[in-house]
């Protein structure tokens, strides 16, 4: 079905139910279709630049390869919507319900997802440069190999998310929840993770946390084996039960870190850790709490 922009706007004003309609390859740039009922619609390869889709129902719709740059999708229903390869640069998707939506290979630079529900959504290889996910629900979402450079994830919930090989350069991660997330191959060098929740975090391969700020973060029962923590700030960090086997802790700041009743420090927990080259003047252990820690053995060479 091929209709003009004016015809589409009129149908929406008349509250017509357009569920399942085929509008693929249409040209609706700047269209005001706020509140449109387009669930299950085919909008693939459609021009929706700067369109107003606020409060629209696009659940299970196909928007693959469409251009939605600058579009307004605030409070829209986007459950299981397909945005594969779409351009959402600068789009506003605040407060949307986008559970299990697909954003594979999409360009989402500068988009706003504040307080959006993106539970189990798929952002595999998506370009998310400078996008905003502050306070968004992104639990168990997939960000494998996604570019999250300069992304704002402050106070976002990424519990159980798959972030393997994702790029976090200059990302804002204060108070983010990364419990149970897969961060294999991730580079957090110099990133601010202060206040982050990293409980039971599993890192199946090398991860770079060099010079990262983990002040007051919660790393309880996290597996940081083989991690590079050189120069990281772990001040007031919760580290009960953490596993640092083969980790590099050279120059780490552990002021006030809490290892109470830790079972992570087994006899081999510091195996091959860089300690023989450690400069004790750089390692600040003032007020570190090792109460009832198990098997903590460090050899210091003067």
Foldseek 3Di string as FASTA:
>chain_A
DEDALVVQLVCLVVVHAQEQAEHDCEENDQRENAQHRHDQYEHDQYEHDLYEHDQHEHDNYEHDQYEHDNYEHDQYEQDQYEHDQYEHHLYEHEQYEHDQYEHDQYENEQYEHDQYEHDQYEHDQYEHHLYEHDQYEHDQHEHDQYECEQYEHALYEHDQYEHDNYEHHNYAADLYEHDNYEHENYECACYEHDNYEHDQAEHPHEYECDQYEHHQYEHDLHERDNYEHANYEQALYEYAQYQHALYAHALYEHHNYEHALHPNQEQRSCPNHPQAPHDVVSYHCHNYHCHNPPNDDGDHDD
